[in-house]
Amino acid sequence: MAYSVKSKKSGKTYILHSQEVELAGGRKQRIYYFSGEEKKKYSIDALPAGYEVTENKRTGLPMLRKKKK
């Protein structure tokens, strides 16, 4: 089952996704993003190590950030 977060502001549920993308210089990088709909190919089951979920106070959208030490 995919990792999900419910927005405190809107009450909408968001699913966490991860994808490997290629940047303009040819370097590959893993990105994490939340979406309102689950995309089976990219959805993941758990938070990546060292990250935590925060919510944008203005929009209510969830975001990942690195945990503070």
N, C-alpha and C. Protein backbone atom coordinates (compact mmCIF):
# COMPACT_ATOMS: atom_id res chain seq x y z
N MET A 1 0.83 -1.18 0.00
CA MET A 1 0.00 0.00 0.00
C MET A 1 0.88 1.25 0.00
N ALA A 2 0.56 2.19 -0.81
CA ALA A 2 1.36 3.40 -0.98
C ALA A 2 1.27 4.30 0.26
N TYR A 3 2.34 5.03 0.53
CA TYR A 3 2.38 5.96 1.65
C TYR A 3 1.50 7.17 1.32
N SER A 4 0.61 7.52 2.25
CA SER A 4 -0.29 8.64 2.01
C SER A 4 -0.33 9.58 3.20
N VAL A 5 -0.70 10.83 2.93
CA VAL A 5 -0.81 11.88 3.94
C VAL A 5 -2.12 12.61 3.71
N LYS A 6 -2.83 12.92 4.80
CA LYS A 6 -4.06 13.68 4.68
C LYS A 6 -3.78 15.13 5.07
N SER A 7 -4.15 16.07 4.20
CA SER A 7 -3.93 17.49 4.44
C SER A 7 -4.80 17.97 5.60
N LYS A 8 -4.20 18.69 6.53
CA LYS A 8 -4.95 19.25 7.65
C LYS A 8 -5.85 20.40 7.19
N LYS A 9 -5.41 21.11 6.16
CA LYS A 9 -6.16 22.27 5.69
C LYS A 9 -7.35 21.88 4.81
N SER A 10 -7.12 21.04 3.81
CA SER A 10 -8.18 20.70 2.85
C SER A 10 -8.85 19.36 3.12
N GLY A 11 -8.19 18.48 3.87
CA GLY A 11 -8.73 17.15 4.13
C GLY A 11 -8.51 16.17 3.00
N LYS A 12 -7.84 16.60 1.94
CA LYS A 12 -7.58 15.74 0.78
C LYS A 12 -6.38 14.82 1.08
N THR A 13 -6.43 13.61 0.54
CA THR A 13 -5.35 12.64 0.72
C THR A 13 -4.39 12.70 -0.45
N TYR A 14 -3.09 12.71 -0.14
CA TYR A 14 -2.04 12.76 -1.16
C TYR A 14 -1.15 11.53 -1.03
N ILE A 15 -0.73 10.98 -2.17
CA ILE A 15 0.09 9.77 -2.25
C ILE A 15 1.53 10.16 -2.60
N LEU A 16 2.50 9.54 -1.91
CA LEU A 16 3.92 9.81 -2.16
C LEU A 16 4.42 8.99 -3.34
N HIS A 17 5.15 9.65 -4.25
CA HIS A 17 5.72 9.03 -5.44
C HIS A 17 7.22 9.33 -5.51
N SER A 18 7.95 8.49 -6.22
CA SER A 18 9.38 8.67 -6.43
C SER A 18 9.69 8.32 -7.89
N GLN A 19 10.61 9.09 -8.47
CA GLN A 19 10.94 8.87 -9.88
C GLN A 19 12.38 9.27 -10.12
N GLU A 20 13.05 8.52 -10.98
CA GLU A 20 14.42 8.85 -11.40
C GLU A 20 14.31 9.72 -12.65
N VAL A 21 14.88 10.92 -12.61
CA VAL A 21 14.83 11.84 -13.75
C VAL A 21 16.24 12.17 -14.21
N GLU A 22 16.34 12.56 -15.47
CA GLU A 22 17.64 12.96 -16.02
C GLU A 22 17.65 14.48 -16.17
N LEU A 23 18.63 15.12 -15.55
CA LEU A 23 18.75 16.56 -15.61
C LEU A 23 19.40 17.01 -16.91
N ALA A 24 19.38 18.30 -17.18
CA ALA A 24 19.88 18.85 -18.45
C ALA A 24 21.32 18.45 -18.72
N GLY A 25 22.16 18.36 -17.71
CA GLY A 25 23.56 17.99 -17.90
C GLY A 25 23.79 16.51 -18.05
N GLY A 26 22.73 15.71 -18.03
CA GLY A 26 22.85 14.27 -18.18
C GLY A 26 22.91 13.52 -16.85
N ARG A 27 22.99 14.25 -15.73
CA ARG A 27 23.05 13.62 -14.41
C ARG A 27 21.67 13.11 -14.03
N LYS A 28 21.63 11.93 -13.40
CA LYS A 28 20.35 11.36 -12.96
C LYS A 28 20.14 11.70 -11.49
N GLN A 29 18.88 11.95 -11.13
CA GLN A 29 18.54 12.32 -9.76
C GLN A 29 17.18 11.73 -9.40
N ARG A 30 17.05 11.28 -8.16
CA ARG A 30 15.76 10.76 -7.67
C ARG A 30 14.96 11.92 -7.08
N ILE A 31 13.71 12.04 -7.51
CA ILE A 31 12.83 13.07 -6.97
C ILE A 31 11.67 12.41 -6.24
N TYR A 32 11.12 13.11 -5.25
CA TYR A 32 9.96 12.66 -4.49
C TYR A 32 8.89 13.72 -4.62
N TYR A 33 7.63 13.29 -4.80
CA TYR A 33 6.54 14.23 -4.93
C TYR A 33 5.23 13.60 -4.47
N PHE A 34 4.29 14.45 -4.09
CA PHE A 34 2.96 14.01 -3.68
C PHE A 34 1.98 14.29 -4.81
N SER A 35 1.02 13.39 -4.97
CA SER A 35 0.00 13.55 -5.99
C SER A 35 -1.35 13.13 -5.41
N GLY A 36 -2.41 13.73 -5.91
CA GLY A 36 -3.75 13.40 -5.45
C GLY A 36 -4.22 12.05 -5.95
N GLU A 37 -3.60 11.54 -7.00
CA GLU A 37 -3.96 10.24 -7.56
C GLU A 37 -2.74 9.33 -7.53
N GLU A 38 -2.98 8.04 -7.25
CA GLU A 38 -1.87 7.09 -7.19
C GLU A 38 -1.49 6.64 -8.59
N LYS A 39 -0.21 6.72 -8.89
CA LYS A 39 0.36 6.21 -10.13
C LYS A 39 1.15 4.97 -9.73
N LYS A 40 0.60 3.79 -10.01
CA LYS A 40 1.17 2.53 -9.53
C LYS A 40 2.66 2.38 -9.85
N LYS A 41 3.07 2.88 -10.99
CA LYS A 41 4.46 2.73 -11.42
C LYS A 41 5.43 3.49 -10.51
N TYR A 42 4.99 4.63 -9.94
CA TYR A 42 5.89 5.49 -9.19
C TYR A 42 5.58 5.58 -7.70
N SER A 43 4.44 5.08 -7.23
CA SER A 43 4.10 5.20 -5.81
C SER A 43 5.04 4.35 -4.96
N ILE A 44 5.34 4.83 -3.75
CA ILE A 44 6.24 4.11 -2.84
C ILE A 44 5.52 3.87 -1.52
N ASP A 45 5.99 2.85 -0.79
CA ASP A 45 5.31 2.39 0.41
C ASP A 45 5.72 3.07 1.70
N ALA A 46 6.87 3.75 1.71
CA ALA A 46 7.36 4.34 2.95
C ALA A 46 8.13 5.62 2.67
N LEU A 47 8.28 6.42 3.71
CA LEU A 47 9.09 7.63 3.59
C LEU A 47 10.54 7.24 3.37
N PRO A 48 11.29 7.98 2.56
CA PRO A 48 12.71 7.69 2.42
C PRO A 48 13.43 8.03 3.73
N ALA A 49 14.48 7.32 4.03
CA ALA A 49 15.25 7.52 5.26
C ALA A 49 15.78 8.95 5.32
N GLY A 50 15.64 9.57 6.48
CA GLY A 50 16.17 10.91 6.68
C GLY A 50 15.24 12.03 6.26
N TYR A 51 14.02 11.72 5.86
CA TYR A 51 13.05 12.74 5.43
C TYR A 51 11.84 12.75 6.34
N GLU A 52 11.14 13.88 6.37
CA GLU A 52 9.90 14.02 7.11
C GLU A 52 8.90 14.81 6.27
N VAL A 53 7.62 14.67 6.59
CA VAL A 53 6.57 15.35 5.84
C VAL A 53 6.20 16.64 6.56
N THR A 54 6.10 17.73 5.80
CA THR A 54 5.61 19.00 6.32
C THR A 54 4.45 19.43 5.42
N GLU A 55 3.72 20.42 5.87
CA GLU A 55 2.60 20.92 5.08
C GLU A 55 2.77 22.41 4.87
N ASN A 56 2.60 22.85 3.63
CA ASN A 56 2.66 24.27 3.31
C ASN A 56 1.49 24.96 4.01
N LYS A 57 1.77 25.94 4.85
CA LYS A 57 0.73 26.59 5.64
C LYS A 57 -0.28 27.33 4.77
N ARG A 58 0.17 27.89 3.67
CA ARG A 58 -0.72 28.67 2.81
C ARG A 58 -1.60 27.79 1.92
N THR A 59 -1.00 26.77 1.29
CA THR A 59 -1.74 25.96 0.32
C THR A 59 -2.26 24.64 0.89
N GLY A 60 -1.66 24.15 1.97
CA GLY A 60 -2.07 22.87 2.54
C GLY A 60 -1.46 21.67 1.84
N LEU A 61 -0.56 21.90 0.87
CA LEU A 61 0.07 20.80 0.15
C LEU A 61 1.21 20.18 0.96
N PRO A 62 1.29 18.84 0.97
CA PRO A 62 2.40 18.19 1.70
C PRO A 62 3.71 18.30 0.92
N MET A 63 4.81 18.34 1.68
CA MET A 63 6.14 18.41 1.08
C MET A 63 7.09 17.53 1.90
N LEU A 64 8.13 17.04 1.26
CA LEU A 64 9.18 16.31 1.97
C LEU A 64 10.32 17.26 2.25
N ARG A 65 10.94 17.09 3.42
CA ARG A 65 12.16 17.84 3.70
C ARG A 65 13.08 16.93 4.52
N LYS A 66 14.36 17.22 4.45
CA LYS A 66 15.32 16.45 5.23
C LYS A 66 15.13 16.78 6.69
N LYS A 67 15.24 15.75 7.54
CA LYS A 67 15.10 15.94 8.98
C LYS A 67 16.21 16.82 9.49
N LYS A 68 15.87 17.68 10.43
CA LYS A 68 16.88 18.53 11.05
C LYS A 68 17.66 17.70 12.05
N LYS A 69 18.95 17.95 12.12
CA LYS A 69 19.82 17.17 13.01
C LYS A 69 19.78 17.68 14.42
